[in-house]
Protein backbone atom coordinates (compact mmCIF):
# COMPACT_ATOMS: atom_id res chain seq x y z
CA MET A 1 21.79 -47.42 -66.43
CA ILE A 2 24.54 -48.90 -64.58
CA ILE A 3 27.18 -46.38 -65.56
CA SER A 4 24.65 -43.44 -64.86
CA SER A 5 23.74 -44.84 -61.48
CA LEU A 6 27.47 -45.24 -60.50
CA GLY A 7 28.04 -41.52 -61.64
CA VAL A 8 25.35 -40.56 -59.46
CA LEU A 9 26.76 -42.74 -56.45
CA ASN A 10 30.20 -41.40 -56.90
CA PHE A 11 28.87 -37.55 -57.08
CA LEU A 12 27.01 -38.42 -53.64
CA ILE A 13 29.93 -40.02 -52.21
CA ASN A 14 31.99 -36.95 -53.21
CA TYR A 15 29.27 -34.47 -51.73
CA ILE A 16 29.26 -36.29 -48.49
CA MET A 17 33.28 -36.26 -48.20
CA GLU A 18 33.46 -32.68 -49.17
CA LEU A 19 30.56 -31.73 -46.53
CA SER A 20 32.50 -33.59 -43.82
CA ASP A 21 35.64 -31.95 -44.80
CA ARG A 22 33.77 -28.34 -44.94
CA LEU A 23 32.15 -29.07 -41.47
CA ARG A 24 35.89 -29.85 -40.11
CA LYS A 25 37.45 -27.02 -41.52
CA VAL A 26 34.97 -24.57 -40.18
CA ARG A 27 35.20 -26.09 -36.68
CA LYS A 28 38.83 -25.98 -36.80
CA ASP A 29 38.94 -22.28 -38.24
CA LEU A 30 37.04 -21.42 -34.91
CA GLY A 31 39.36 -23.30 -33.10
CA LEU A 32 36.82 -25.25 -31.19
CA SER A 33 36.79 -29.18 -30.11
CA GLN A 34 34.45 -31.39 -31.54
CA LEU A 35 32.32 -31.41 -28.07
CA ASP A 36 32.20 -27.51 -27.85
CA PHE A 37 31.29 -27.20 -31.63
CA ALA A 38 28.76 -30.04 -31.26
CA LYS A 39 27.39 -28.54 -28.14
CA SER A 40 27.02 -25.07 -29.94
CA ILE A 41 25.03 -26.33 -32.75
CA GLY A 42 22.59 -28.63 -30.78
CA LEU A 43 24.27 -31.83 -31.37
CA LYS A 44 26.12 -34.69 -29.13
CA GLN A 45 29.64 -34.94 -29.70
CA GLY A 46 29.07 -38.33 -31.04
CA SER A 47 26.50 -37.38 -33.79
CA TYR A 48 28.76 -34.37 -34.74
CA SER A 49 31.77 -36.76 -35.11
CA GLY A 50 29.62 -38.97 -37.59
CA LEU A 51 29.36 -35.88 -39.56
CA GLU A 52 33.11 -35.09 -39.73
CA THR A 53 33.68 -38.79 -40.64
CA GLY A 54 31.00 -38.89 -43.16
CA ALA A 55 29.25 -41.90 -41.01
CA LYS A 56 26.25 -39.62 -40.69
CA LYS A 57 25.51 -38.32 -44.46
CA ALA A 58 23.23 -35.34 -44.09
CA LEU A 59 22.84 -32.10 -41.84
CA SER A 60 19.20 -31.42 -40.77
CA ASN A 61 18.19 -27.82 -41.91
CA ALA A 62 18.10 -26.91 -38.14
CA VAL A 63 21.79 -27.47 -37.87
CA LYS A 64 22.40 -25.69 -41.34
CA GLU A 65 20.62 -22.73 -39.88
CA LEU A 66 22.38 -22.70 -36.71
CA LEU A 67 25.74 -22.67 -38.69
CA VAL A 68 24.52 -19.68 -40.61
CA LEU A 69 23.16 -17.95 -37.53
CA GLN A 70 25.74 -18.87 -34.93
CA TYR A 71 28.95 -18.40 -37.16
CA GLY A 72 27.92 -16.67 -40.20
CA VAL A 73 28.81 -19.80 -42.44
CA SER A 74 27.54 -19.40 -46.14
CA ILE A 75 24.94 -21.81 -46.56
CA ASP A 76 26.12 -22.12 -50.51
CA TRP A 77 29.70 -22.75 -49.32
CA LEU A 78 28.27 -25.24 -46.51
CA GLU A 79 26.24 -27.12 -49.48
CA SER A 80 28.51 -27.03 -52.54
CA GLY A 81 31.85 -25.68 -51.71
CA GLU A 82 31.41 -22.59 -53.70
CA GLY A 83 31.67 -19.10 -52.68
CA ASN A 84 33.35 -17.68 -49.34
CA MET A 85 33.34 -19.97 -46.34
CA TYR A 86 31.79 -17.05 -44.25
CA MET A 87 29.20 -14.46 -45.12
CA SER A 88 30.76 -10.90 -45.09
CA GLY A 89 28.02 -9.55 -42.73
CA LYS A 90 24.89 -8.82 -41.19
CA SER A 91 23.53 -7.60 -44.75
CA ASP A 92 24.30 -11.10 -46.13
CA LEU A 93 22.26 -12.58 -43.63
CA LEU A 94 19.42 -10.35 -44.37
CA SER A 95 19.39 -10.39 -47.99
CA SER A 96 20.06 -14.52 -48.15
CA PRO A 97 17.97 -15.60 -44.79
CA PRO A 98 18.68 -19.36 -43.72
CA PRO A 99 17.14 -21.75 -46.20
CA VAL A 100 13.68 -22.97 -45.48
CA TYR A 101 13.22 -25.94 -47.53
CA GLY A 102 9.63 -26.56 -48.83
CA LEU A 103 7.93 -24.77 -46.15
CA GLU A 104 4.30 -25.25 -46.23
CA PRO A 105 2.02 -22.55 -45.03
CA SER A 106 0.56 -24.80 -42.46
CA ALA A 107 4.00 -25.57 -41.17
CA LYS A 108 4.72 -22.00 -39.88
CA ASP A 109 4.02 -22.60 -36.26
CA LYS A 110 6.06 -25.39 -36.19
CA ARG A 111 8.86 -23.24 -37.91
CA ILE A 112 8.39 -20.45 -35.63
CA ALA A 113 8.66 -23.24 -32.55
CA GLU A 114 12.29 -24.30 -34.03
CA LEU A 115 13.41 -20.82 -34.12
CA GLU A 116 12.51 -20.13 -30.77
CA GLU A 117 14.31 -23.23 -29.78
CA LEU A 118 17.48 -22.11 -31.78
CA VAL A 119 17.31 -18.76 -29.98
CA SER A 120 16.94 -20.43 -26.59
CA ILE A 121 20.19 -22.67 -27.65
CA GLN A 122 22.12 -19.29 -28.37
CA ARG A 123 21.37 -17.92 -24.96
CA GLU A 124 22.41 -21.00 -23.32
CA LEU A 125 25.86 -20.83 -25.42
CA LEU A 126 26.18 -17.48 -24.80
CA GLU A 127 25.90 -18.12 -20.83
CA PHE A 128 28.35 -21.03 -21.39
CA TYR A 129 31.23 -19.17 -23.27
CA LYS A 130 30.70 -16.20 -20.82
CA ALA A 131 31.18 -18.66 -17.86
CA LYS A 132 34.35 -19.96 -19.85
CA ILE A 133 35.78 -16.55 -20.32
CA LYS A 134 35.39 -15.17 -16.73
CA ASP A 135 37.12 -18.53 -15.73
CA GLY A 136 39.90 -17.83 -18.07
CA GLU A 137 39.56 -21.17 -20.03
């Protein structure tokens, strides 16, 4: 029993480390600072930093969905490291929408509100990046 528990623990530790590495890879591939990347997925810089270092051990479903919607990150790659880092296009997003883990019919209104909030964040980000582009940053 102890051996199998240690095996599970090692698997979880490796998974967490790999997740932190994958997040860092996406951020660096996009050429964003931790602060800008964190803002773009609705997190504070300190919270995001904890994800990259492994101090924070899990991504919320909302953050996973933002990574998919905002940057086209493949959810399979994000969660397991398998496949391509990015989806190949809009058809991938439509054929494989962001995951909805255990959504019960009674949670539909809550889910719709969450998606509306994501759209609001995307609009704010669009304005943020428009201003940066206009200012030549």
